[in-house]
Amino acid sequence: MSHFSTVKTQLRKREPLLQALCDLGYVPQEGESLVRGYRGQTVKAELAVSMKKGGDIGFRWNQSSQAYELVTDLDLWKQSVPVERFLSQLTQRYALNTVISATSEEGFEIAEQTKNIDGSIELVVTRWDP
C-alpha cells in the first residue's frame, strides 16, 4: 500500500521555488491544493504540480524548519529522473534563481551564463558604477 512521504529541503523562499519548478518544465499551482496519491488519497500542500502519470508533487511549509518540504507518494513516482535527482535539479535551479534575484537587487546584470559539462552553472555578473 502506498502512502505519502515527506522529504525535508532547504528551500525557504517561495518565488525562487516557483521559478525553479517552471524552469524544469513543471506548472505549479499556488495556494492550498490537494496532492493526489495512491487510490485517490490526498494531502494538502501550498504548492502542487499535477502529474498525468503517477502521483502529484507538492510542497508545504514546515514551520519548525522554516522551509518547504516535498510531499509525494514515492511508490507512484513516475518522473523521468529519480526523486533524488529531481531534488538536486530543483535545488540547483532554486539556488540559481536566488543568486540572480539577489544580484539584480544589488544592481548587477547577468553578463554570461554557462552550463558546464558536469551540470554546474557558471555566472558572470557585471555592474556599472556611475
Protein backbone atom coordinates (compact mmCIF):
# COMPACT_ATOMS: atom_id res chain seq x y z
CA MET A 1 0.00 0.00 0.00
CA SER A 2 1.33 3.40 -0.97
CA HIS A 3 1.48 6.39 1.32
CA PHE A 4 2.72 9.95 1.22
CA SER A 5 6.34 10.65 2.02
CA THR A 6 7.77 13.92 3.22
CA VAL A 7 11.28 14.95 2.22
CA LYS A 8 12.97 17.83 4.02
CA THR A 9 14.62 20.52 1.89
CA GLN A 10 16.47 23.79 2.40
CA LEU A 11 14.08 25.63 0.06
CA ARG A 12 12.99 28.63 2.15
CA LYS A 13 11.68 31.19 -0.35
CA ARG A 14 8.52 30.75 -2.38
CA GLU A 15 9.39 32.77 -5.51
CA PRO A 16 12.69 31.03 -6.34
CA LEU A 17 10.96 27.67 -5.71
CA LEU A 18 8.14 28.55 -8.11
CA GLN A 19 10.63 29.74 -10.72
CA ALA A 20 12.77 26.61 -10.29
CA LEU A 21 9.73 24.38 -10.89
CA CYS A 22 8.86 26.38 -14.01
CA ASP A 23 12.49 26.22 -15.21
CA LEU A 24 12.27 22.42 -15.01
CA GLY A 25 9.09 22.41 -17.11
CA TYR A 26 6.51 21.97 -14.35
CA VAL A 27 3.38 24.07 -13.91
CA PRO A 28 2.95 24.69 -10.18
CA GLN A 29 -0.41 25.63 -8.72
CA GLU A 30 -0.19 28.17 -5.91
CA GLY A 31 -2.44 28.25 -2.87
CA GLU A 32 -3.74 25.37 -0.84
CA SER A 33 -4.07 22.43 -3.19
CA LEU A 34 -4.59 18.72 -2.89
CA VAL A 35 -1.74 16.42 -3.87
CA ARG A 36 -3.05 13.11 -5.21
CA GLY A 37 -1.55 9.77 -4.35
CA TYR A 38 -2.47 6.09 -4.16
CA ARG A 39 -6.14 5.28 -4.87
CA GLY A 40 -7.20 8.91 -4.74
CA GLN A 41 -5.71 9.66 -1.34
CA THR A 42 -4.83 13.32 -0.94
CA VAL A 43 -2.77 15.58 1.26
CA LYS A 44 -2.76 19.40 1.40
CA ALA A 45 0.15 21.48 0.14
CA GLU A 46 0.80 25.17 -0.55
CA LEU A 47 2.28 24.41 -3.98
CA ALA A 48 1.26 21.47 -6.13
CA VAL A 49 2.17 20.06 -9.51
CA SER A 50 -0.47 17.80 -11.05
CA MET A 51 1.10 14.90 -12.89
CA LYS A 52 -0.54 12.90 -15.69
CA LYS A 53 1.36 9.76 -14.72
CA GLY A 54 1.96 8.72 -11.13
CA GLY A 55 1.34 10.75 -8.02
CA ASP A 56 1.36 14.53 -7.85
CA ILE A 57 4.24 16.57 -6.44
CA GLY A 58 3.59 19.02 -3.63
CA PHE A 59 5.44 21.40 -1.36
CA ARG A 60 4.19 22.51 2.03
CA TRP A 61 5.65 24.92 4.53
CA ASN A 62 7.23 23.36 7.62
CA GLN A 63 7.06 25.96 10.35
CA SER A 64 9.61 24.28 12.62
CA SER A 65 12.35 24.00 9.96
CA GLN A 66 11.31 27.24 8.19
CA ALA A 67 11.50 25.53 4.80
CA TYR A 68 9.29 23.90 2.22
CA GLU A 69 9.19 20.12 2.26
CA LEU A 70 8.43 17.87 -0.68
CA VAL A 71 5.34 15.73 -0.24
CA THR A 72 4.54 12.97 -2.72
CA ASP A 73 3.70 9.30 -2.93
CA LEU A 74 7.14 7.85 -3.67
CA ASP A 75 5.64 4.49 -4.66
CA LEU A 76 3.89 6.31 -7.51
CA TRP A 77 6.91 8.37 -8.63
CA LYS A 78 6.86 8.16 -12.44
CA GLN A 79 9.13 11.06 -13.37
CA SER A 80 11.94 10.72 -15.88
CA VAL A 81 14.51 11.02 -13.08
CA PRO A 82 14.59 9.53 -9.57
CA VAL A 83 13.32 11.75 -6.74
CA GLU A 84 16.88 12.39 -5.51
CA ARG A 85 17.92 13.70 -8.93
CA PHE A 86 14.72 15.77 -9.17
CA LEU A 87 15.53 17.42 -5.82
CA SER A 88 19.11 18.00 -6.91
CA GLN A 89 18.00 19.69 -10.14
CA LEU A 90 15.34 21.69 -8.30
CA THR A 91 17.80 22.84 -5.65
CA GLN A 92 20.30 23.92 -8.32
CA ARG A 93 17.66 25.97 -10.16
CA TYR A 94 16.43 27.39 -6.83
CA ALA A 95 19.97 28.50 -5.94
CA LEU A 96 20.49 29.99 -9.40
CA ASN A 97 17.24 31.97 -9.18
CA THR A 98 18.12 33.15 -5.67
CA VAL A 99 21.55 34.38 -6.83
CA ILE A 100 20.10 36.09 -9.91
CA SER A 101 17.47 37.85 -7.79
CA ALA A 102 19.99 38.96 -5.16
CA THR A 103 22.50 40.24 -7.71
CA SER A 104 19.76 42.09 -9.58
CA GLU A 105 18.69 43.81 -6.35
CA GLU A 106 22.31 44.95 -5.93
CA GLY A 107 22.35 46.45 -9.43
CA PHE A 108 24.22 43.67 -11.22
CA GLU A 109 23.30 42.23 -14.60
CA ILE A 110 23.98 38.75 -15.92
CA ALA A 111 26.74 39.12 -18.50
CA GLU A 112 27.19 35.42 -19.15
CA GLN A 113 25.60 32.17 -18.05
CA THR A 114 27.25 28.87 -18.96
CA LYS A 115 26.11 25.34 -18.23
CA ASN A 116 29.20 23.16 -17.85
CA ILE A 117 29.57 19.52 -18.91
CA ASP A 118 29.38 18.41 -15.27
CA GLY A 119 25.98 20.11 -14.92
CA SER A 120 27.22 23.07 -12.92
CA ILE A 121 26.20 26.58 -13.93
CA GLU A 122 28.69 29.42 -14.13
CA LEU A 123 27.53 33.05 -13.92
CA VAL A 124 29.40 36.21 -14.78
CA VAL A 125 27.73 39.36 -13.46
CA THR A 126 28.63 42.98 -14.09
CA ARG A 127 27.67 46.34 -12.68
CA TRP A 128 28.43 49.78 -13.98
CA ASP A 129 29.02 52.31 -11.26
CA PRO A 130 28.05 55.86 -12.23
